[in-house]
Amino acid sequence: MSALKTQIGGGHYKGFAIQPIEFIHRNEIGYPEGCVIKYVCRWRGKNGVEDLRKARHYIDLLIEMETENNKTEVTRKGCRK
């Protein structure tokens, strides 16, 4: 049986046309962005608002990392990319 047809730990992705992992993989989406997609997709069927908080945490991490990356680029090159 295909791993995509098997879900361990619940059925919170079973109702989707494609699983979030398929979407994330096919679109070559990075880890933090993929986590946002995963948590937003499953919040109603698994952990409720806790999953929305997890998604927000990953968004906050992305914002922080991008902000720091941009500061580093400005310092290193004198201007942004």
Protein backbone atom coordinates (compact mmCIF):
# COMPACT_ATOMS: atom_id res chain seq x y z
CA MET A 1 0.00 0.00 0.00
CA SER A 2 1.18 3.53 -0.82
CA ALA A 3 2.48 5.61 2.07
CA LEU A 4 0.19 8.42 0.84
CA LYS A 5 -2.81 6.14 1.41
CA THR A 6 -1.74 5.44 4.99
CA GLN A 7 -2.12 7.95 7.79
CA ILE A 8 -0.74 7.31 11.22
CA GLY A 9 -2.29 9.16 14.14
CA GLY A 10 -5.73 10.07 12.86
CA GLY A 11 -7.68 10.88 9.74
CA HIS A 12 -7.33 14.65 9.66
CA TYR A 13 -5.91 14.68 6.08
CA LYS A 14 -8.23 12.05 4.60
CA GLY A 15 -10.88 14.55 3.41
CA PHE A 16 -8.55 16.53 1.14
CA ALA A 17 -8.32 16.01 -2.64
CA ILE A 18 -4.55 15.75 -2.18
CA GLN A 19 -2.63 15.53 1.06
CA PRO A 20 -0.67 18.59 2.16
CA ILE A 21 2.58 16.60 1.80
CA GLU A 22 1.80 16.02 -1.89
CA PHE A 23 1.17 19.73 -2.47
CA ILE A 24 4.28 20.73 -0.53
CA HIS A 25 6.50 18.21 -2.33
CA ARG A 26 5.19 18.87 -5.85
CA ASN A 27 5.66 22.61 -5.41
CA GLU A 28 9.11 22.30 -3.76
CA ILE A 29 7.96 24.33 -0.77
CA GLY A 30 10.44 24.80 2.06
CA TYR A 31 10.11 23.30 5.53
CA PRO A 32 8.71 26.30 7.45
CA GLU A 33 6.23 27.15 4.69
CA GLY A 34 5.23 23.49 4.50
CA CYS A 35 4.55 23.44 8.23
CA VAL A 36 2.26 26.46 7.85
CA ILE A 37 0.32 24.65 5.12
CA LYS A 38 0.11 21.45 7.15
CA TYR A 39 -1.14 23.13 10.32
CA VAL A 40 -3.65 25.37 8.55
CA CYS A 41 -5.05 22.39 6.64
CA ARG A 42 -5.53 20.19 9.69
CA TRP A 43 -6.59 22.61 12.44
CA ARG A 44 -10.30 21.77 12.29
CA GLY A 45 -9.75 18.02 12.29
CA LYS A 46 -6.93 17.65 14.79
CA ASN A 47 -5.80 20.21 17.37
CA GLY A 48 -8.04 23.20 16.75
CA VAL A 49 -6.66 26.62 17.63
CA GLU A 50 -3.41 25.05 18.85
CA ASP A 51 -2.58 24.16 15.23
CA LEU A 52 -3.36 27.73 14.15
CA ARG A 53 -0.91 28.93 16.82
CA LYS A 54 1.69 26.51 15.46
CA ALA A 55 1.13 27.88 11.94
CA ARG A 56 1.48 31.44 13.26
CA HIS A 57 4.70 30.44 15.04
CA TYR A 58 6.20 29.24 11.76
CA ILE A 59 5.09 32.46 10.04
CA ASP A 60 6.74 34.46 12.85
CA LEU A 61 9.91 32.39 12.40
CA LEU A 62 9.92 33.10 8.67
CA ILE A 63 9.43 36.82 9.25
CA GLU A 64 12.23 36.86 11.81
CA MET A 65 14.64 34.88 9.63
CA GLU A 66 13.89 36.99 6.54
CA THR A 67 14.25 40.21 8.51
CA GLU A 68 17.60 39.06 9.89
CA ASN A 69 18.68 37.84 6.45
CA ASN A 70 17.86 41.22 4.93
CA LYS A 71 19.80 43.03 7.68
CA THR A 72 22.79 40.78 7.02
CA GLU A 73 22.59 41.44 3.27
CA VAL A 74 22.48 45.21 3.84
CA THR A 75 25.46 45.05 6.20
CA ARG A 76 27.46 42.75 3.94
CA LYS A 77 26.79 44.47 0.61
CA GLY A 78 25.68 47.93 1.58
CA CYS A 79 22.33 47.38 -0.12
CA ARG A 80 19.62 44.78 -0.37
CA LYS A 81 19.56 42.06 -3.00
